[in-house]
Amino acid sequence: MTGPTLVVVDMQQVFGAPASPWFTPRFAEAEAVIAGMVPAFDRVVFTRFVAPERPEGAWVPYYEQWPFALVPADDPIYDLVLSFRDSGHPVVTETTFGKWGPALREALDGSQDVVLAGVSTDCCVLSTALGAADAGVRIRVAADACAGLSDADHQRALDAMALYAPLIEISDSTAILGGLR
C-alpha cells in the first residue's frame, strides 16, 4: 500500500499575487513549505478554484462583490503559481470552495489518506477538509503549509477542523514528513 496523497489546494496567482484583491498573506511561506513537501509524496494532486461561466444562486451576489474574478478558467489569474505550474501532477479544477467531489475522488485513485495544504485555510482548505472527511477520507492538515486571510482566521479554521477529530487531524509538515519514513 502506498502512503498518503498530498492535496495542494488552490496555490494560484489570484491568491499569491500581492496586487490581487484575493491576496492571501503568508502565501509565500506556505508555498515554501509545500515545495519542500511535494518530493516526499508518491502521489500529489493540485486543485484550482475558477469562476463559473454563469454564476447561479448565491454565487450571483458573490461575483457582484468580486467582478474581477469573473473571467474564463484559462485566465492567468487562475494559473497555479510558477513553482507548481508544470509539476506533472494531476490538477482538479472546481468552481466551488470545497474541492471534494467526483474529480478529486478520482484523482486520489483509491487513496483514503490525504494530507491537505494550501490556501486559504479559512475557505477552500476548510471546505475541502469537511467534504472529504464526511466521505470517510482520513484528513491531516499541515497547518504550516496553509495560509489564511489573517493569522486569526487561519487559527479559527484550524480550530474548527480540529473539532472533527479523529476524522481530521491538525499537524505540521515536520511531523507529517517524519511519519512518511
N, C-alpha and C. Protein backbone atom coordinates (compact mmCIF):
# COMPACT_ATOMS: atom_id res chain seq x y z
N MET A 1 0.85 -1.19 0.00
CA MET A 1 0.00 0.00 0.00
C MET A 1 0.89 1.24 0.00
N THR A 2 0.51 2.19 -0.81
CA THR A 2 1.28 3.43 -0.85
C THR A 2 0.85 4.35 0.28
N GLY A 3 1.64 5.36 0.50
CA GLY A 3 1.37 6.31 1.58
C GLY A 3 0.26 7.27 1.23
N PRO A 4 0.12 8.31 2.03
CA PRO A 4 -0.94 9.28 1.81
C PRO A 4 -0.72 10.10 0.53
N THR A 5 -1.79 10.72 0.10
CA THR A 5 -1.74 11.64 -1.04
C THR A 5 -1.71 13.06 -0.52
N LEU A 6 -0.81 13.85 -1.05
CA LEU A 6 -0.76 15.27 -0.73
C LEU A 6 -1.70 16.00 -1.69
N VAL A 7 -2.69 16.69 -1.14
CA VAL A 7 -3.60 17.51 -1.94
C VAL A 7 -3.28 18.97 -1.63
N VAL A 8 -2.84 19.68 -2.65
CA VAL A 8 -2.42 21.08 -2.53
C VAL A 8 -3.55 21.94 -3.07
N VAL A 9 -4.18 22.69 -2.18
CA VAL A 9 -5.38 23.44 -2.50
C VAL A 9 -5.06 24.86 -2.97
N ASP A 10 -5.38 25.13 -4.22
CA ASP A 10 -5.50 26.49 -4.78
C ASP A 10 -4.28 27.39 -4.65
N MET A 11 -3.11 26.85 -4.90
CA MET A 11 -1.90 27.67 -4.89
C MET A 11 -1.80 28.37 -6.25
N GLN A 12 -2.61 29.41 -6.39
CA GLN A 12 -2.82 30.10 -7.67
C GLN A 12 -2.41 31.57 -7.59
N GLN A 13 -2.17 32.13 -8.77
CA GLN A 13 -1.79 33.53 -8.88
C GLN A 13 -2.78 34.45 -8.17
N VAL A 14 -4.06 34.17 -8.30
CA VAL A 14 -5.10 35.04 -7.74
C VAL A 14 -4.99 35.16 -6.22
N PHE A 15 -4.39 34.18 -5.57
CA PHE A 15 -4.22 34.22 -4.13
C PHE A 15 -2.80 34.58 -3.72
N GLY A 16 -1.85 34.45 -4.63
CA GLY A 16 -0.45 34.69 -4.31
C GLY A 16 0.10 36.03 -4.76
N ALA A 17 -0.57 36.70 -5.69
CA ALA A 17 -0.08 37.99 -6.20
C ALA A 17 -0.50 39.12 -5.25
N PRO A 18 0.46 39.86 -4.71
CA PRO A 18 0.12 40.92 -3.76
C PRO A 18 -0.88 41.95 -4.28
N ALA A 19 -0.94 42.17 -5.59
CA ALA A 19 -1.88 43.15 -6.14
C ALA A 19 -3.30 42.61 -6.28
N SER A 20 -3.50 41.31 -6.06
CA SER A 20 -4.83 40.70 -6.22
C SER A 20 -5.73 41.06 -5.04
N PRO A 21 -7.00 41.35 -5.32
CA PRO A 21 -7.95 41.57 -4.22
C PRO A 21 -8.10 40.35 -3.31
N TRP A 22 -7.72 39.17 -3.80
CA TRP A 22 -7.82 37.95 -3.01
C TRP A 22 -6.46 37.50 -2.48
N PHE A 23 -5.49 38.41 -2.44
CA PHE A 23 -4.16 38.06 -1.95
C PHE A 23 -4.25 37.48 -0.54
N THR A 24 -3.54 36.39 -0.32
CA THR A 24 -3.51 35.71 0.97
C THR A 24 -2.16 35.96 1.64
N PRO A 25 -2.15 36.77 2.71
CA PRO A 25 -0.89 36.97 3.43
C PRO A 25 -0.32 35.61 3.86
N ARG A 26 0.95 35.53 3.90
CA ARG A 26 1.69 34.31 4.24
C ARG A 26 1.62 33.24 3.15
N PHE A 27 1.11 33.61 1.98
CA PHE A 27 1.06 32.69 0.84
C PHE A 27 2.47 32.16 0.55
N ALA A 28 3.45 33.07 0.47
CA ALA A 28 4.82 32.66 0.13
C ALA A 28 5.39 31.70 1.17
N GLU A 29 5.05 31.90 2.44
CA GLU A 29 5.53 30.99 3.48
C GLU A 29 4.94 29.59 3.29
N ALA A 30 3.64 29.53 3.02
CA ALA A 30 3.01 28.24 2.76
C ALA A 30 3.58 27.59 1.51
N GLU A 31 3.80 28.39 0.48
CA GLU A 31 4.36 27.88 -0.77
C GLU A 31 5.72 27.22 -0.54
N ALA A 32 6.55 27.84 0.27
CA ALA A 32 7.88 27.29 0.55
C ALA A 32 7.77 25.95 1.29
N VAL A 33 6.87 25.86 2.25
CA VAL A 33 6.69 24.60 2.98
C VAL A 33 6.17 23.52 2.04
N ILE A 34 5.18 23.87 1.22
CA ILE A 34 4.62 22.89 0.28
C ILE A 34 5.69 22.41 -0.70
N ALA A 35 6.49 23.33 -1.20
CA ALA A 35 7.56 22.95 -2.14
C ALA A 35 8.50 21.93 -1.51
N GLY A 36 8.73 22.04 -0.21
CA GLY A 36 9.56 21.06 0.48
C GLY A 36 8.86 19.73 0.71
N MET A 37 7.53 19.76 0.73
CA MET A 37 6.77 18.53 0.98
C MET A 37 6.56 17.69 -0.29
N VAL A 38 6.32 18.35 -1.40
CA VAL A 38 5.93 17.65 -2.63
C VAL A 38 6.84 16.48 -2.98
N PRO A 39 8.17 16.63 -2.95
CA PRO A 39 9.02 15.50 -3.35
C PRO A 39 8.91 14.27 -2.45
N ALA A 40 8.41 14.43 -1.23
CA ALA A 40 8.33 13.31 -0.29
C ALA A 40 7.12 12.41 -0.54
N PHE A 41 6.18 12.85 -1.37
CA PHE A 41 4.95 12.10 -1.60
C PHE A 41 4.98 11.39 -2.94
N ASP A 42 4.50 10.13 -2.94
CA ASP A 42 4.38 9.39 -4.19
C ASP A 42 3.25 9.96 -5.05
N ARG A 43 2.20 10.44 -4.38
CA ARG A 43 1.06 11.00 -5.10
C ARG A 43 0.77 12.40 -4.60
N VAL A 44 0.62 13.33 -5.56
CA VAL A 44 0.30 14.72 -5.27
C VAL A 44 -0.79 15.14 -6.25
N VAL A 45 -1.79 15.85 -5.74
CA VAL A 45 -2.84 16.41 -6.57
C VAL A 45 -2.94 17.89 -6.24
N PHE A 46 -3.00 18.73 -7.26
CA PHE A 46 -3.21 20.16 -7.08
C PHE A 46 -4.66 20.48 -7.41
N THR A 47 -5.21 21.51 -6.76
CA THR A 47 -6.55 21.96 -7.11
C THR A 47 -6.49 23.43 -7.52
N ARG A 48 -7.53 23.81 -8.28
CA ARG A 48 -7.68 25.22 -8.69
C ARG A 48 -9.14 25.64 -8.48
N PHE A 49 -9.31 26.85 -8.01
CA PHE A 49 -10.61 27.48 -7.96
C PHE A 49 -10.75 28.37 -9.19
N VAL A 50 -11.87 28.27 -9.88
CA VAL A 50 -12.16 29.14 -11.02
C VAL A 50 -13.61 29.61 -10.91
N ALA A 51 -13.90 30.71 -11.59
CA ALA A 51 -15.28 31.22 -11.62
C ALA A 51 -16.11 30.38 -12.58
N PRO A 52 -17.39 30.23 -12.28
CA PRO A 52 -18.27 29.55 -13.24
C PRO A 52 -18.52 30.46 -14.45
N GLU A 53 -18.90 29.84 -15.57
CA GLU A 53 -19.23 30.67 -16.74
C GLU A 53 -20.39 31.60 -16.43
N ARG A 54 -21.41 31.07 -15.77
CA ARG A 54 -22.57 31.86 -15.38
C ARG A 54 -22.91 31.55 -13.92
N PRO A 55 -22.60 32.46 -13.02
CA PRO A 55 -22.92 32.21 -11.61
C PRO A 55 -24.44 32.03 -11.42
N GLU A 56 -24.77 31.17 -10.47
CA GLU A 56 -26.17 30.93 -10.13
C GLU A 56 -26.35 31.02 -8.63
N GLY A 57 -27.58 31.28 -8.20
CA GLY A 57 -27.90 31.29 -6.78
C GLY A 57 -27.08 32.31 -6.02
N ALA A 58 -26.57 31.89 -4.87
CA ALA A 58 -25.80 32.79 -4.00
C ALA A 58 -24.49 33.24 -4.64
N TRP A 59 -24.04 32.55 -5.69
CA TRP A 59 -22.82 32.97 -6.38
C TRP A 59 -23.04 34.27 -7.16
N VAL A 60 -24.28 34.61 -7.51
CA VAL A 60 -24.53 35.85 -8.25
C VAL A 60 -24.08 37.06 -7.43
N PRO A 61 -24.57 37.27 -6.20
CA PRO A 61 -24.08 38.42 -5.44
C PRO A 61 -22.60 38.31 -5.05
N TYR A 62 -22.11 37.08 -4.92
CA TYR A 62 -20.69 36.90 -4.63
C TYR A 62 -19.84 37.54 -5.73
N TYR A 63 -20.15 37.21 -6.99
CA TYR A 63 -19.36 37.76 -8.10
C TYR A 63 -19.72 39.21 -8.39
N GLU A 64 -20.86 39.70 -7.91
CA GLU A 64 -21.12 41.13 -7.97
C GLU A 64 -20.16 41.86 -7.05
N GLN A 65 -19.82 41.23 -5.94
CA GLN A 65 -18.85 41.80 -5.00
C GLN A 65 -17.42 41.67 -5.53
N TRP A 66 -17.14 40.63 -6.30
CA TRP A 66 -15.79 40.34 -6.79
C TRP A 66 -15.79 40.22 -8.32
N PRO A 67 -16.20 41.24 -9.06
CA PRO A 67 -16.32 41.11 -10.52
C PRO A 67 -14.99 40.83 -11.24
N PHE A 68 -13.87 41.23 -10.64
CA PHE A 68 -12.57 40.98 -11.28
C PHE A 68 -12.34 39.50 -11.52
N ALA A 69 -12.95 38.66 -10.70
CA ALA A 69 -12.70 37.21 -10.75
C ALA A 69 -13.59 36.50 -11.76
N LEU A 70 -14.56 37.18 -12.30
CA LEU A 70 -15.50 36.56 -13.24
C LEU A 70 -14.88 36.57 -14.64
N VAL A 71 -13.84 35.76 -14.78
CA VAL A 71 -13.10 35.63 -16.04
C VAL A 71 -13.03 34.14 -16.38
N PRO A 72 -12.71 33.80 -17.63
CA PRO A 72 -12.63 32.39 -18.00
C PRO A 72 -11.59 31.61 -17.18
N ALA A 73 -11.81 30.32 -17.10
CA ALA A 73 -10.94 29.43 -16.31
C ALA A 73 -9.49 29.46 -16.77
N ASP A 74 -9.26 29.79 -18.04
CA ASP A 74 -7.89 29.82 -18.55
C ASP A 74 -7.23 31.19 -18.40
N ASP A 75 -7.88 32.12 -17.71
CA ASP A 75 -7.27 33.42 -17.46
C ASP A 75 -6.05 33.22 -16.56
N PRO A 76 -4.97 33.97 -16.79
CA PRO A 76 -3.75 33.80 -15.99
C PRO A 76 -3.94 33.97 -14.48
N ILE A 77 -4.98 34.68 -14.03
CA ILE A 77 -5.15 34.82 -12.58
C ILE A 77 -5.42 33.47 -11.93
N TYR A 78 -5.96 32.52 -12.72
CA TYR A 78 -6.28 31.21 -12.17
C TYR A 78 -5.18 30.18 -12.38
N ASP A 79 -4.05 30.59 -12.95
CA ASP A 79 -2.91 29.67 -13.10
C ASP A 79 -2.36 29.30 -11.73
N LEU A 80 -1.85 28.09 -11.61
CA LEU A 80 -1.05 27.74 -10.44
C LEU A 80 0.18 28.65 -10.45
N VAL A 81 0.72 28.92 -9.27
CA VAL A 81 1.94 29.73 -9.23
C VAL A 81 3.06 28.96 -9.94
N LEU A 82 4.02 29.70 -10.41
CA LEU A 82 5.07 29.15 -11.26
C LEU A 82 5.75 27.92 -10.66
N SER A 83 6.00 27.92 -9.37
CA SER A 83 6.73 26.79 -8.76
C SER A 83 5.97 25.47 -8.86
N PHE A 84 4.65 25.51 -9.10
CA PHE A 84 3.86 24.28 -9.18
C PHE A 84 3.23 24.07 -10.55
N ARG A 85 3.34 25.04 -11.43
CA ARG A 85 2.58 25.04 -12.68
C ARG A 85 2.85 23.84 -13.58
N ASP A 86 4.09 23.47 -13.76
CA ASP A 86 4.42 22.37 -14.67
C ASP A 86 4.96 21.17 -13.91
N SER A 87 4.31 20.84 -12.81
CA SER A 87 4.80 19.78 -11.93
C SER A 87 4.56 18.38 -12.49
N GLY A 88 3.61 18.26 -13.42
CA GLY A 88 3.26 16.94 -13.95
C GLY A 88 2.24 16.20 -13.09
N HIS A 89 1.88 16.76 -11.96
CA HIS A 89 0.87 16.14 -11.09
C HIS A 89 -0.53 16.50 -11.58
N PRO A 90 -1.52 15.65 -11.28
CA PRO A 90 -2.89 15.96 -11.68
C PRO A 90 -3.37 17.27 -11.06
N VAL A 91 -4.25 17.96 -11.80
CA VAL A 91 -4.86 19.20 -11.33
C VAL A 91 -6.37 19.06 -11.43
N VAL A 92 -7.05 19.29 -10.33
CA VAL A 92 -8.51 19.24 -10.27
C VAL A 92 -9.01 20.68 -10.20
N THR A 93 -9.88 21.04 -11.11
CA THR A 93 -10.42 22.40 -11.18
C THR A 93 -11.90 22.38 -10.84
N GLU A 94 -12.31 23.25 -9.92
CA GLU A 94 -13.71 23.33 -9.50
C GLU A 94 -14.13 24.79 -9.37
N THR A 95 -15.43 25.02 -9.48
CA THR A 95 -15.99 26.36 -9.31
C THR A 95 -16.51 26.57 -7.89
N THR A 96 -16.14 25.68 -7.00
CA THR A 96 -16.60 25.73 -5.62
C THR A 96 -15.41 25.85 -4.67
N PHE A 97 -15.69 26.39 -3.48
CA PHE A 97 -14.63 26.49 -2.47
C PHE A 97 -14.12 25.11 -2.10
N GLY A 98 -15.02 24.21 -1.77
CA GLY A 98 -14.64 22.85 -1.45
C GLY A 98 -14.29 22.09 -2.71
N LYS A 99 -13.17 21.42 -2.70
CA LYS A 99 -12.74 20.69 -3.90
C LYS A 99 -13.11 19.22 -3.84
N TRP A 100 -13.72 18.77 -2.72
CA TRP A 100 -14.11 17.38 -2.63
C TRP A 100 -15.28 17.12 -3.58
N GLY A 101 -15.15 16.10 -4.38
CA GLY A 101 -16.19 15.72 -5.32
C GLY A 101 -15.67 14.62 -6.22
N PRO A 102 -16.41 14.27 -7.25
CA PRO A 102 -16.01 13.16 -8.12
C PRO A 102 -14.62 13.32 -8.74
N ALA A 103 -14.26 14.52 -9.16
CA ALA A 103 -12.95 14.70 -9.82
C ALA A 103 -11.80 14.48 -8.85
N LEU A 104 -11.90 15.02 -7.65
CA LEU A 104 -10.82 14.80 -6.67
C LEU A 104 -10.81 13.36 -6.21
N ARG A 105 -11.97 12.78 -6.00
CA ARG A 105 -12.05 11.37 -5.60
C ARG A 105 -11.32 10.50 -6.65
N GLU A 106 -11.59 10.78 -7.91
CA GLU A 106 -10.94 10.01 -8.98
C GLU A 106 -9.43 10.25 -8.99
N ALA A 107 -9.01 11.49 -8.81
CA ALA A 107 -7.57 11.81 -8.81
C ALA A 107 -6.83 11.13 -7.66
N LEU A 108 -7.55 10.85 -6.57
CA LEU A 108 -6.92 10.17 -5.43
C LEU A 108 -6.65 8.70 -5.71
N ASP A 109 -7.27 8.17 -6.75
CA ASP A 109 -7.00 6.80 -7.18
C ASP A 109 -7.14 5.79 -6.04
N GLY A 110 -8.22 5.94 -5.27
CA GLY A 110 -8.49 4.99 -4.20
C GLY A 110 -7.90 5.34 -2.85
N SER A 111 -7.05 6.34 -2.78
CA SER A 111 -6.43 6.71 -1.51
C SER A 111 -7.50 7.21 -0.54
N GLN A 112 -7.41 6.74 0.69
CA GLN A 112 -8.31 7.19 1.76
C GLN A 112 -7.52 7.91 2.85
N ASP A 113 -6.32 8.36 2.50
CA ASP A 113 -5.43 9.03 3.44
C ASP A 113 -4.87 10.26 2.73
N VAL A 114 -5.30 11.45 3.17
CA VAL A 114 -4.95 12.69 2.48
C VAL A 114 -4.30 13.67 3.44
N VAL A 115 -3.24 14.31 2.97
CA VAL A 115 -2.63 15.43 3.66
C VAL A 115 -3.03 16.67 2.87
N LEU A 116 -3.63 17.64 3.54
CA LEU A 116 -4.05 18.88 2.90
C LEU A 116 -3.08 20.01 3.21
N ALA A 117 -2.83 20.83 2.19
CA ALA A 117 -2.03 22.04 2.32
C ALA A 117 -2.60 23.05 1.34
N GLY A 118 -2.31 24.32 1.54
CA GLY A 118 -2.74 25.32 0.57
C GLY A 118 -3.44 26.51 1.18
N VAL A 119 -4.24 27.17 0.34
CA VAL A 119 -4.93 28.40 0.74
C VAL A 119 -6.39 28.35 0.30
N SER A 120 -7.16 29.15 0.89
CA SER A 120 -6.90 29.71 2.19
C SER A 120 -7.48 28.77 3.24
N THR A 121 -6.79 28.72 4.36
CA THR A 121 -7.18 27.80 5.42
C THR A 121 -8.65 27.97 5.78
N ASP A 122 -9.08 29.24 5.83
CA ASP A 122 -10.41 29.59 6.30
C ASP A 122 -11.47 29.59 5.20
N CYS A 123 -11.15 29.04 4.06
CA CYS A 123 -12.14 28.95 2.98
C CYS A 123 -12.00 27.60 2.27
N CYS A 124 -11.15 27.54 1.27
CA CYS A 124 -11.08 26.35 0.42
C CYS A 124 -10.47 25.13 1.12
N VAL A 125 -9.49 25.32 1.99
CA VAL A 125 -8.92 24.19 2.73
C VAL A 125 -9.98 23.63 3.68
N LEU A 126 -10.61 24.51 4.44
CA LEU A 126 -11.66 24.10 5.38
C LEU A 126 -12.79 23.38 4.65
N SER A 127 -13.28 23.95 3.56
CA SER A 127 -14.39 23.35 2.82
C SER A 127 -14.01 22.00 2.23
N THR A 128 -12.79 21.87 1.76
CA THR A 128 -12.33 20.60 1.20
C THR A 128 -12.18 19.55 2.29
N ALA A 129 -11.61 19.94 3.41
CA ALA A 129 -11.41 19.01 4.53
C ALA A 129 -12.74 18.44 5.02
N LEU A 130 -13.73 19.29 5.19
CA LEU A 130 -15.01 18.83 5.72
C LEU A 130 -15.71 17.87 4.76
N GLY A 131 -15.70 18.19 3.47
CA GLY A 131 -16.33 17.30 2.49
C GLY A 131 -15.65 15.95 2.41
N ALA A 132 -14.33 15.95 2.39
CA ALA A 132 -13.59 14.69 2.31
C ALA A 132 -13.77 13.86 3.58
N ALA A 133 -13.72 14.52 4.73
CA ALA A 133 -13.91 13.79 5.99
C ALA A 133 -15.30 13.18 6.05
N ASP A 134 -16.31 13.92 5.61
CA ASP A 134 -17.67 13.37 5.56
C ASP A 134 -17.75 12.13 4.68
N ALA A 135 -16.90 12.07 3.68
CA ALA A 135 -16.87 10.91 2.77
C ALA A 135 -16.04 9.76 3.32
N GLY A 136 -15.47 9.94 4.52
CA GLY A 136 -14.71 8.87 5.15
C GLY A 136 -13.23 8.87 4.87
N VAL A 137 -12.72 9.93 4.29
CA VAL A 137 -11.29 10.02 3.99
C VAL A 137 -10.57 10.56 5.23
N ARG A 138 -9.45 9.93 5.57
CA ARG A 138 -8.62 10.43 6.67
C ARG A 138 -7.95 11.70 6.18
N ILE A 139 -8.10 12.77 6.94
CA ILE A 139 -7.54 14.07 6.57
C ILE A 139 -6.55 14.52 7.63
N ARG A 140 -5.36 14.87 7.17
CA ARG A 140 -4.38 15.55 8.02
C ARG A 140 -4.09 16.89 7.38
N VAL A 141 -4.23 17.95 8.13
CA VAL A 141 -3.95 19.29 7.64
C VAL A 141 -2.58 19.71 8.14
N ALA A 142 -1.70 20.02 7.20
CA ALA A 142 -0.37 20.53 7.55
C ALA A 142 -0.51 22.03 7.80
N ALA A 143 -0.68 22.41 9.04
CA ALA A 143 -1.01 23.79 9.39
C ALA A 143 0.02 24.80 8.88
N ASP A 144 1.29 24.44 8.92
CA ASP A 144 2.33 25.37 8.47
C ASP A 144 2.45 25.42 6.95
N ALA A 145 1.71 24.57 6.26
CA ALA A 145 1.68 24.57 4.79
C ALA A 145 0.37 25.18 4.30
N CYS A 146 -0.31 25.90 5.18
CA CYS A 146 -1.55 26.59 4.84
C CYS A 146 -1.41 28.06 5.22
N ALA A 147 -2.24 28.88 4.62
CA ALA A 147 -2.28 30.30 4.97
C ALA A 147 -3.72 30.77 4.88
N GLY A 148 -4.09 31.63 5.82
CA GLY A 148 -5.43 32.19 5.84
C GLY A 148 -5.43 33.65 5.48
N LEU A 149 -6.61 34.23 5.46
CA LEU A 149 -6.72 35.65 5.13
C LEU A 149 -6.13 36.53 6.22
N SER A 150 -6.01 35.96 7.42
CA SER A 150 -5.28 36.59 8.52
C SER A 150 -4.81 35.46 9.42
N ASP A 151 -3.88 35.76 10.30
CA ASP A 151 -3.42 34.73 11.23
C ASP A 151 -4.57 34.24 12.11
N ALA A 152 -5.43 35.18 12.52
CA ALA A 152 -6.57 34.81 13.38
C ALA A 152 -7.55 33.91 12.61
N ASP A 153 -7.83 34.24 11.35
CA ASP A 153 -8.74 33.41 10.55
C ASP A 153 -8.14 32.03 10.30
N HIS A 154 -6.85 31.99 10.04
CA HIS A 154 -6.14 30.71 9.86
C HIS A 154 -6.32 29.84 11.10
N GLN A 155 -6.10 30.42 12.27
CA GLN A 155 -6.20 29.66 13.52
C GLN A 155 -7.64 29.23 13.79
N ARG A 156 -8.60 30.12 13.54
CA ARG A 156 -10.01 29.75 13.75
C ARG A 156 -10.40 28.58 12.86
N ALA A 157 -9.93 28.57 11.62
CA ALA A 157 -10.25 27.46 10.71
C ALA A 157 -9.61 26.17 11.20
N LEU A 158 -8.35 26.24 11.65
CA LEU A 158 -7.70 25.05 12.20
C LEU A 158 -8.46 24.53 13.41
N ASP A 159 -8.88 25.45 14.27
CA ASP A 159 -9.63 25.06 15.46
C ASP A 159 -10.96 24.41 15.08
N ALA A 160 -11.63 24.95 14.08
CA ALA A 160 -12.91 24.36 13.63
C ALA A 160 -12.68 22.96 13.08
N MET A 161 -11.65 22.78 12.27
CA MET A 161 -11.37 21.45 11.72
C MET A 161 -10.99 20.47 12.81
N ALA A 162 -10.29 20.94 13.84
CA ALA A 162 -9.88 20.07 14.95
C ALA A 162 -11.09 19.50 15.68
N LEU A 163 -12.23 20.17 15.61
CA LEU A 163 -13.45 19.66 16.23
C LEU A 163 -13.92 18.35 15.59
N TYR A 164 -13.43 18.06 14.39
CA TYR A 164 -13.84 16.87 13.65
C TYR A 164 -12.93 15.67 13.90
N ALA A 165 -12.04 15.77 14.88
CA ALA A 165 -11.17 14.65 15.21
C ALA A 165 -12.03 13.45 15.59
N PRO A 166 -11.64 12.26 15.24
CA PRO A 166 -10.40 11.87 14.60
C PRO A 166 -10.47 11.88 13.06
N LEU A 167 -11.59 12.35 12.48
CA LEU A 167 -11.67 12.39 11.02
C LEU A 167 -10.67 13.36 10.42
N ILE A 168 -10.45 14.47 11.10
CA ILE A 168 -9.50 15.48 10.66
C ILE A 168 -8.49 15.69 11.78
N GLU A 169 -7.21 15.63 11.43
CA GLU A 169 -6.12 15.85 12.38
C GLU A 169 -5.34 17.07 11.94
N ILE A 170 -5.05 17.95 12.87
CA ILE A 170 -4.21 19.11 12.59
C ILE A 170 -2.79 18.76 13.01
N SER A 171 -1.85 18.94 12.10
CA SER A 171 -0.47 18.59 12.35
C SER A 171 0.42 19.66 11.72
N ASP A 172 1.68 19.34 11.51
CA ASP A 172 2.56 20.23 10.78
C ASP A 172 3.42 19.41 9.82
N SER A 173 4.07 20.10 8.93
CA SER A 173 4.82 19.40 7.87
C SER A 173 5.93 18.51 8.44
N THR A 174 6.59 18.93 9.48
CA THR A 174 7.68 18.15 10.06
C THR A 174 7.16 16.80 10.56
N ALA A 175 6.08 16.83 11.32
CA ALA A 175 5.51 15.58 11.84
C ALA A 175 4.98 14.69 10.72
N ILE A 176 4.34 15.29 9.74
CA ILE A 176 3.79 14.50 8.63
C ILE A 176 4.91 13.87 7.82
N LEU A 177 5.92 14.64 7.48
CA LEU A 177 7.04 14.11 6.71
C LEU A 177 7.79 13.05 7.51
N GLY A 178 7.92 13.24 8.82
CA GLY A 178 8.58 12.25 9.68
C GLY A 178 7.85 10.93 9.68
N GLY A 179 6.53 10.97 9.56
CA GLY A 179 5.73 9.76 9.53
C GLY A 179 5.78 9.02 8.21
N LEU A 180 6.31 9.66 7.16
CA LEU A 180 6.41 9.01 5.85
C LEU A 180 7.61 8.07 5.78
N ARG A 181 8.57 8.25 6.63
CA ARG A 181 9.81 7.48 6.56
C ARG A 181 9.63 6.07 7.06
